[in-house]
C-alpha atoms as a PDB file:
ATOM      1  CA  MET A   1      95.350 -29.532 -22.629  1.00  0.00           C
ATOM      2  CA  PHE A   2      92.806 -27.359 -25.685  1.00  0.00           C
ATOM      3  CA  GLN A   3      94.860 -29.878 -27.980  1.00  0.00           C
ATOM      4  CA  THR A   4      95.012 -32.916 -26.431  1.00  0.00           C
ATOM      5  CA  ARG A   5      91.012 -32.375 -26.280  1.00  0.00           C
ATOM      6  CA  LEU A   6      90.692 -31.966 -29.429  1.00  0.00           C
ATOM      7  CA  SER A   7      92.387 -34.889 -30.172  1.00  0.00           C
ATOM      8  CA  TYR A   8      89.796 -37.272 -27.615  1.00  0.00           C
ATOM      9  CA  ALA A   9      86.890 -35.014 -29.869  1.00  0.00           C
ATOM     10  CA  ILE A  10      87.979 -36.002 -32.967  1.00  0.00           C
ATOM     11  CA  LYS A  11      88.443 -39.740 -31.991  1.00  0.00           C
ATOM     12  CA  TYR A  12      85.696 -40.631 -29.743  1.00  0.00           C
ATOM     13  CA  TRP A  13      83.038 -38.421 -31.329  1.00  0.00           C
ATOM     14  CA  ARG A  14      80.312 -40.446 -31.588  1.00  0.00           C
ATOM     15  CA  LEU A  15      80.897 -41.584 -27.248  1.00  0.00           C
ATOM     16  CA  ALA A  16      80.776 -37.510 -26.952  1.00  0.00           C
ATOM     17  CA  ILE A  17      77.481 -37.488 -28.439  1.00  0.00           C
ATOM     18  CA  HIS A  18      75.791 -40.168 -26.986  1.00  0.00           C
ATOM     19  CA  LEU A  19      76.914 -39.788 -23.411  1.00  0.00           C
ATOM     20  CA  ILE A  20      75.479 -35.431 -23.879  1.00  0.00           C
ATOM     21  CA  PHE A  21      72.817 -36.033 -26.065  1.00  0.00           C
ATOM     22  CA  LYS A  22      71.471 -39.971 -24.370  1.00  0.00           C
ATOM     23  CA  THR A  23      71.251 -40.974 -27.187  1.00  0.00           C
ATOM     24  CA  LYS A  24      69.612 -44.612 -27.887  1.00  0.00           C
ATOM     25  CA  HIS A  25      71.503 -45.663 -31.051  1.00  0.00           C
ATOM     26  CA  PHE A  26      74.687 -44.277 -31.230  1.00  0.00           C
ATOM     27  CA  GLY A  27      76.963 -45.587 -28.787  1.00  0.00           C
ATOM     28  CA  VAL A  28      81.021 -46.823 -29.433  1.00  0.00           C
ATOM     29  CA  ASN A  29      79.156 -50.617 -28.986  1.00  0.00           C
ATOM     30  CA  ASN A  30      75.546 -50.067 -29.328  1.00  0.00           C
ATOM     31  CA  LEU A  31      75.550 -49.149 -33.386  1.00  0.00           C
ATOM     32  CA  TRP A  32      71.818 -47.717 -34.615  1.00  0.00           C
ATOM     33  CA  TRP A  33      71.162 -51.173 -36.491  1.00  0.00           C
ATOM     34  CA  SER A  34      71.604 -52.696 -32.955  1.00  0.00           C
ATOM     35  CA  GLN A  35      68.044 -54.294 -31.462  1.00  0.00           C
ATOM     36  CA  GLN A  36      69.024 -53.575 -27.780  1.00  0.00           C
ATOM     37  CA  PRO A  37      69.188 -49.683 -27.177  1.00  0.00           C
ATOM     38  CA  SER A  38      71.070 -48.489 -24.461  1.00  0.00           C
ATOM     39  CA  ALA A  39      70.070 -48.269 -21.457  1.00  0.00           C
ATOM     40  CA  ILE A  40      71.186 -44.852 -20.716  1.00  0.00           C
ATOM     41  CA  GLY A  41      69.383 -43.991 -23.656  1.00  0.00           C
ATOM     42  CA  TRP A  42      66.611 -40.400 -24.685  1.00  0.00           C
ATOM     43  CA  HIS A  43      63.723 -40.381 -26.418  1.00  0.00           C
ATOM     44  CA  TRP A  44      64.014 -38.044 -29.577  1.00  0.00           C
ATOM     45  CA  TYR A  45      61.516 -35.883 -27.703  1.00  0.00           C
ATOM     46  CA  GLN A  46      63.263 -35.928 -24.065  1.00  0.00           C
ATOM     47  CA  ILE A  47      66.733 -35.103 -26.509  1.00  0.00           C
ATOM     48  CA  VAL A  48      64.430 -32.223 -28.432  1.00  0.00           C
ATOM     49  CA  PHE A  49      63.896 -30.775 -24.828  1.00  0.00           C
ATOM     50  CA  GLY A  50      67.162 -31.377 -23.442  1.00  0.00           C
ATOM     51  CA  VAL A  51      68.616 -29.034 -26.436  1.00  0.00           C
ATOM     52  CA  LEU A  52      65.695 -26.685 -26.182  1.00  0.00           C
ATOM     53  CA  THR A  53      66.598 -25.886 -22.260  1.00  0.00           C
ATOM     54  CA  ILE A  54      69.878 -25.873 -22.580  1.00  0.00           C
ATOM     55  CA  MET A  55      70.354 -27.347 -18.768  1.00  0.00           C
ATOM     56  CA  PRO A  56      70.669 -31.218 -19.529  1.00  0.00           C
ATOM     57  CA  ILE A  57      72.313 -31.261 -22.343  1.00  0.00           C
ATOM     58  CA  VAL A  58      75.152 -28.991 -19.116  1.00  0.00           C
ATOM     59  CA  ARG A  59      74.973 -31.906 -16.479  1.00  0.00           C
ATOM     60  CA  ASN A  60      75.156 -34.827 -19.205  1.00  0.00           C
ATOM     61  CA  TYR A  61      78.127 -32.942 -20.246  1.00  0.00           C
ATOM     62  CA  GLN A  62      79.761 -32.660 -16.565  1.00  0.00           C
ATOM     63  CA  SER A  63      78.806 -35.724 -15.766  1.00  0.00           C
ATOM     64  CA  LEU A  64      80.909 -37.154 -18.852  1.00  0.00           C
ATOM     65  CA  LYS A  65      82.968 -35.704 -17.109  1.00  0.00           C
ATOM     66  CA  VAL A  66      82.927 -36.542 -13.942  1.00  0.00           C
ATOM     67  CA  ARG A  67      82.320 -40.805 -14.904  1.00  0.00           C
ATOM     68  CA  SER A  68      85.535 -39.677 -17.308  1.00  0.00           C
ATOM     69  CA  CYS A  69      87.458 -40.006 -14.322  1.00  0.00           C
ATOM     70  CA  LEU A  70      86.371 -42.350 -12.687  1.00  0.00           C
ATOM     71  CA  GLY A  71      87.601 -45.240 -14.302  1.00  0.00           C
ATOM     72  CA  TRP A  72      86.364 -44.598 -18.060  1.00  0.00           C
ATOM     73  CA  LEU A  73      89.865 -43.238 -18.890  1.00  0.00           C
ATOM     74  CA  PRO A  74      93.233 -44.632 -17.545  1.00  0.00           C
ATOM     75  CA  GLU A  75      94.495 -41.686 -15.202  1.00  0.00           C
ATOM     76  CA  ALA A  76      97.256 -40.113 -17.013  1.00  0.00           C
ATOM     77  CA  GLU A  77      94.420 -39.448 -19.475  1.00  0.00           C
ATOM     78  CA  CYS A  78      92.255 -38.095 -17.193  1.00  0.00           C
ATOM     79  CA  LEU A  79      95.745 -35.698 -16.144  1.00  0.00           C
ATOM     80  CA  ALA A  80      95.968 -34.846 -19.252  1.00  0.00           C
ATOM     81  CA  LEU A  81      92.684 -33.500 -20.113  1.00  0.00           C
ATOM     82  CA  GLY A  82      92.428 -31.629 -17.129  1.00  0.00           C
ATOM     83  CA  PHE A  83      89.011 -32.643 -15.632  1.00  0.00           C
ATOM     84  CA  LYS A  84      90.982 -34.212 -12.102  1.00  0.00           C
ATOM     85  CA  ALA A  85      93.140 -31.826 -10.806  1.00  0.00           C
ATOM     86  CA  GLN A  86      96.452 -33.753  -9.834  1.00  0.00           C
ATOM     87  CA  PRO A  87      97.513 -34.250  -7.072  1.00  0.00           C
END
């Protein structure tokens, strides 16, 4: 399972950073030169506060795991990553 998570982290590192740190211009379909920022993006001072206090970043990671099992990833991949218990 660790190998699967590592391969996903290498493949989708930009999306992970975007969802964990809630950046405005670092998602897959929302590049830094885009004129329309991400709707879930935080301002720079919110990101700094999240890094300093740690808990918002932990909650964002937990949210990433939950959202990945709600249809963002195929169910087989969600199971392979260990985000969802096998039925």
